[in-house]
């Protein structure tokens, strides 16, 4: 089955909704993004693998002032796995309160269920300059 335009639009909006909910502090709406059994690999952010929307919500709240105040997603690439599963790769730019920015790559497995498309697996990979890759993380 070929992924249709409507599904592609719905998935792209799902990925974009993440930044809006987090930036607006609407963390109680994460079930609109994630499956109940989501695995959110935030190892690069210092949180390890988070299981379920509540764990993702708790980690976001724990970041407090250290988290980004603006989450922006771009360069979304969708690859169909099956009629009900899509892999998505996208770039994220986070703007911190002090004006500095960071970049991540999101690797998602997105599934279609009774409530529509939801992210069931997400790996957040922090992007570093090639010269920084040889340096130990702080």
C-alpha atoms as a PDB file:
ATOM      1  CA  UNK A   1       0.000   0.000   0.000  1.00  0.00           C
ATOM      2  CA  UNK A   2       1.311   3.442  -0.898  1.00  0.00           C
ATOM      3  CA  UNK A   3       1.155   6.123   1.758  1.00  0.00           C
ATOM      4  CA  UNK A   4      -1.389   8.682   0.591  1.00  0.00           C
ATOM      5  CA  UNK A   5      -1.207  12.457   0.699  1.00  0.00           C
ATOM      6  CA  UNK A   6      -3.735  12.689   3.555  1.00  0.00           C
ATOM      7  CA  UNK A   7      -1.688  10.273   5.682  1.00  0.00           C
ATOM      8  CA  UNK A   8       1.528  12.143   4.892  1.00  0.00           C
ATOM      9  CA  UNK A   9      -0.082  15.418   5.943  1.00  0.00           C
ATOM     10  CA  UNK A  10      -1.488  13.904   9.142  1.00  0.00           C
ATOM     11  CA  UNK A  11       1.913  12.448  10.084  1.00  0.00           C
ATOM     12  CA  UNK A  12       3.737  15.695   9.316  1.00  0.00           C
ATOM     13  CA  UNK A  13       1.244  17.606  11.488  1.00  0.00           C
ATOM     14  CA  UNK A  14       1.678  15.024  14.264  1.00  0.00           C
ATOM     15  CA  UNK A  15       5.444  15.592  14.255  1.00  0.00           C
ATOM     16  CA  UNK A  16       4.936  19.367  14.276  1.00  0.00           C
ATOM     17  CA  UNK A  17       2.388  19.192  17.106  1.00  0.00           C
ATOM     18  CA  UNK A  18       5.120  17.972  19.484  1.00  0.00           C
ATOM     19  CA  UNK A  19       6.820  21.385  19.536  1.00  0.00           C
ATOM     20  CA  UNK A  20       3.575  23.270  20.030  1.00  0.00           C
ATOM     21  CA  UNK A  21       2.448  21.136  22.963  1.00  0.00           C
ATOM     22  CA  UNK A  22       5.834  21.225  24.693  1.00  0.00           C
ATOM     23  CA  UNK A  23       6.418  24.943  24.093  1.00  0.00           C
ATOM     24  CA  UNK A  24       2.899  25.810  25.295  1.00  0.00           C
ATOM     25  CA  UNK A  25       3.298  23.667  28.425  1.00  0.00           C
ATOM     26  CA  UNK A  26       0.448  21.384  27.362  1.00  0.00           C
ATOM     27  CA  UNK A  27       2.230  18.258  28.559  1.00  0.00           C
ATOM     28  CA  UNK A  28      -1.047  16.652  29.644  1.00  0.00           C
ATOM     29  CA  UNK A  29      -1.896  16.275  25.943  1.00  0.00           C
ATOM     30  CA  UNK A  30       1.048  14.008  25.045  1.00  0.00           C
ATOM     31  CA  UNK A  31      -1.384  11.122  24.439  1.00  0.00           C
ATOM     32  CA  UNK A  32      -2.281  12.991  21.234  1.00  0.00           C
ATOM     33  CA  UNK A  33       1.288  12.354  20.052  1.00  0.00           C
ATOM     34  CA  UNK A  34       2.314   9.013  21.490  1.00  0.00           C
ATOM     35  CA  UNK A  35       0.985   5.490  21.817  1.00  0.00           C
ATOM     36  CA  UNK A  36       0.381   4.340  25.409  1.00  0.00           C
ATOM     37  CA  UNK A  37       3.475   2.103  25.166  1.00  0.00           C
ATOM     38  CA  UNK A  38       5.776   4.646  23.499  1.00  0.00           C
ATOM     39  CA  UNK A  39       9.505   4.211  24.006  1.00  0.00           C
ATOM     40  CA  UNK A  40      11.156   7.643  23.870  1.00  0.00           C
ATOM     41  CA  UNK A  41      14.930   7.243  23.771  1.00  0.00           C
ATOM     42  CA  UNK A  42      16.264  10.439  25.321  1.00  0.00           C
ATOM     43  CA  UNK A  43      19.660   8.998  26.215  1.00  0.00           C
ATOM     44  CA  UNK A  44      21.481  11.855  24.443  1.00  0.00           C
ATOM     45  CA  UNK A  45      19.500  14.302  26.611  1.00  0.00           C
ATOM     46  CA  UNK A  46      20.486  12.496  29.819  1.00  0.00           C
ATOM     47  CA  UNK A  47      17.159  10.763  30.488  1.00  0.00           C
ATOM     48  CA  UNK A  48      17.680   7.247  29.090  1.00  0.00           C
ATOM     49  CA  UNK A  49      14.752   5.396  27.537  1.00  0.00           C
ATOM     50  CA  UNK A  50      11.388   6.665  28.716  1.00  0.00           C
ATOM     51  CA  UNK A  51       8.384   4.334  28.652  1.00  0.00           C
ATOM     52  CA  UNK A  52       4.911   5.791  28.190  1.00  0.00           C
ATOM     53  CA  UNK A  53       3.623   9.357  27.816  1.00  0.00           C
ATOM     54  CA  UNK A  54       3.706   9.959  31.594  1.00  0.00           C
ATOM     55  CA  UNK A  55       7.460   9.279  31.697  1.00  0.00           C
ATOM     56  CA  UNK A  56       8.001  11.657  28.751  1.00  0.00           C
ATOM     57  CA  UNK A  57       5.910  14.301  30.532  1.00  0.00           C
ATOM     58  CA  UNK A  58       7.851  13.867  33.798  1.00  0.00           C
ATOM     59  CA  UNK A  59      11.208  14.170  32.011  1.00  0.00           C
ATOM     60  CA  UNK A  60      10.089  17.333  30.211  1.00  0.00           C
ATOM     61  CA  UNK A  61       8.965  18.870  33.492  1.00  0.00           C
ATOM     62  CA  UNK A  62      12.230  17.852  35.183  1.00  0.00           C
ATOM     63  CA  UNK A  63      14.231  19.771  32.565  1.00  0.00           C
ATOM     64  CA  UNK A  64      12.540  22.956  33.759  1.00  0.00           C
ATOM     65  CA  UNK A  65      14.548  26.032  32.826  1.00  0.00           C
ATOM     66  CA  UNK A  66      17.233  23.852  31.185  1.00  0.00           C
ATOM     67  CA  UNK A  67      14.858  22.770  28.416  1.00  0.00           C
ATOM     68  CA  UNK A  68      14.367  24.578  25.146  1.00  0.00           C
ATOM     69  CA  UNK A  69      11.736  27.301  25.004  1.00  0.00           C
ATOM     70  CA  UNK A  70      11.217  26.801  21.264  1.00  0.00           C
ATOM     71  CA  UNK A  71      11.104  23.460  19.421  1.00  0.00           C
ATOM     72  CA  UNK A  72      11.189  23.624  15.613  1.00  0.00           C
ATOM     73  CA  UNK A  73      11.022  20.600  13.299  1.00  0.00           C
ATOM     74  CA  UNK A  74      12.159  20.522   9.695  1.00  0.00           C
ATOM     75  CA  UNK A  75      13.422  18.210   6.949  1.00  0.00           C
ATOM     76  CA  UNK A  76      10.770  15.524   7.561  1.00  0.00           C
ATOM     77  CA  UNK A  77      11.314  12.345   5.534  1.00  0.00           C
ATOM     78  CA  UNK A  78       8.666   9.602   5.650  1.00  0.00           C
ATOM     79  CA  UNK A  79       9.266   5.994   4.643  1.00  0.00           C
ATOM     80  CA  UNK A  80       6.421   3.513   4.641  1.00  0.00           C
ATOM     81  CA  UNK A  81       7.113   0.277   6.512  1.00  0.00           C
ATOM     82  CA  UNK A  82       3.614  -1.163   6.044  1.00  0.00           C
ATOM     83  CA  UNK A  83       0.114   0.227   5.617  1.00  0.00           C
ATOM     84  CA  UNK A  84      -0.037   1.047   9.320  1.00  0.00           C
ATOM     85  CA  UNK A  85       3.621   1.852  10.090  1.00  0.00           C
ATOM     86  CA  UNK A  86       5.836   4.678   8.888  1.00  0.00           C
ATOM     87  CA  UNK A  87       9.397   5.598   9.739  1.00  0.00           C
ATOM     88  CA  UNK A  88      10.032   9.326  10.003  1.00  0.00           C
ATOM     89  CA  UNK A  89      13.344  11.125  10.179  1.00  0.00           C
ATOM     90  CA  UNK A  90      13.392  14.825  10.941  1.00  0.00           C
ATOM     91  CA  UNK A  91      15.645  17.569  12.237  1.00  0.00           C
ATOM     92  CA  UNK A  92      14.853  19.493  15.368  1.00  0.00           C
ATOM     93  CA  UNK A  93      16.166  22.888  16.400  1.00  0.00           C
ATOM     94  CA  UNK A  94      15.756  23.911  20.018  1.00  0.00           C
ATOM     95  CA  UNK A  95      16.113  27.496  21.152  1.00  0.00           C
ATOM     96  CA  UNK A  96      17.021  27.997  24.795  1.00  0.00           C
ATOM     97  CA  UNK A  97      15.972  30.929  26.983  1.00  0.00           C
ATOM     98  CA  UNK A  98      19.480  32.432  26.679  1.00  0.00           C
ATOM     99  CA  UNK A  99      19.196  32.500  22.879  1.00  0.00           C
ATOM    100  CA  UNK A 100      21.565  29.615  22.191  1.00  0.00           C
ATOM    101  CA  UNK A 101      20.381  26.789  19.975  1.00  0.00           C
ATOM    102  CA  UNK A 102      20.863  23.057  19.738  1.00  0.00           C
ATOM    103  CA  UNK A 103      20.097  20.556  17.023  1.00  0.00           C
ATOM    104  CA  UNK A 104      18.765  17.005  17.167  1.00  0.00           C
ATOM    105  CA  UNK A 105      17.668  14.321  14.768  1.00  0.00           C
ATOM    106  CA  UNK A 106      14.388  12.544  15.523  1.00  0.00           C
ATOM    107  CA  UNK A 107      14.061   8.918  14.390  1.00  0.00           C
ATOM    108  CA  UNK A 108      10.417   7.887  14.775  1.00  0.00           C
ATOM    109  CA  UNK A 109       8.281   4.825  14.223  1.00  0.00           C
ATOM    110  CA  UNK A 110       4.732   6.036  13.710  1.00  0.00           C
ATOM    111  CA  UNK A 111       1.753   3.688  13.765  1.00  0.00           C
ATOM    112  CA  UNK A 112      -1.878   4.055  12.771  1.00  0.00           C
ATOM    113  CA  UNK A 113      -4.372   2.988  15.439  1.00  0.00           C
ATOM    114  CA  UNK A 114      -7.948   3.633  16.492  1.00  0.00           C
ATOM    115  CA  UNK A 115      -7.105   7.270  17.357  1.00  0.00           C
ATOM    116  CA  UNK A 116      -5.111   7.928  14.185  1.00  0.00           C
ATOM    117  CA  UNK A 117      -1.359   8.198  13.728  1.00  0.00           C
ATOM    118  CA  UNK A 118       0.793   8.163  16.887  1.00  0.00           C
ATOM    119  CA  UNK A 119       4.529   7.940  17.579  1.00  0.00           C
ATOM    120  CA  UNK A 120       5.343   4.559  19.123  1.00  0.00           C
ATOM    121  CA  UNK A 121       9.141   4.875  19.148  1.00  0.00           C
ATOM    122  CA  UNK A 122      11.306   8.002  19.128  1.00  0.00           C
ATOM    123  CA  UNK A 123      15.065   8.299  19.346  1.00  0.00           C
ATOM    124  CA  UNK A 124      16.468  11.762  19.922  1.00  0.00           C
ATOM    125  CA  UNK A 125      20.051  12.070  18.691  1.00  0.00           C
ATOM    126  CA  UNK A 126      21.832  15.280  19.680  1.00  0.00           C
ATOM    127  CA  UNK A 127      23.745  16.722  16.755  1.00  0.00           C
ATOM    128  CA  UNK A 128      27.301  17.810  17.429  1.00  0.00           C
ATOM    129  CA  UNK A 129      29.918  19.441  15.255  1.00  0.00           C
ATOM    130  CA  UNK A 130      32.313  16.886  13.783  1.00  0.00           C
ATOM    131  CA  UNK A 131      35.141  18.404  15.882  1.00  0.00           C
ATOM    132  CA  UNK A 132      33.060  17.883  19.062  1.00  0.00           C
ATOM    133  CA  UNK A 133      32.333  14.197  18.427  1.00  0.00           C
ATOM    134  CA  UNK A 134      35.711  13.168  19.766  1.00  0.00           C
ATOM    135  CA  UNK A 135      35.221  15.123  22.983  1.00  0.00           C
ATOM    136  CA  UNK A 136      33.604  13.565  26.042  1.00  0.00           C
ATOM    137  CA  UNK A 137      30.077  14.814  26.783  1.00  0.00           C
ATOM    138  CA  UNK A 138      29.553  17.121  29.723  1.00  0.00           C
END
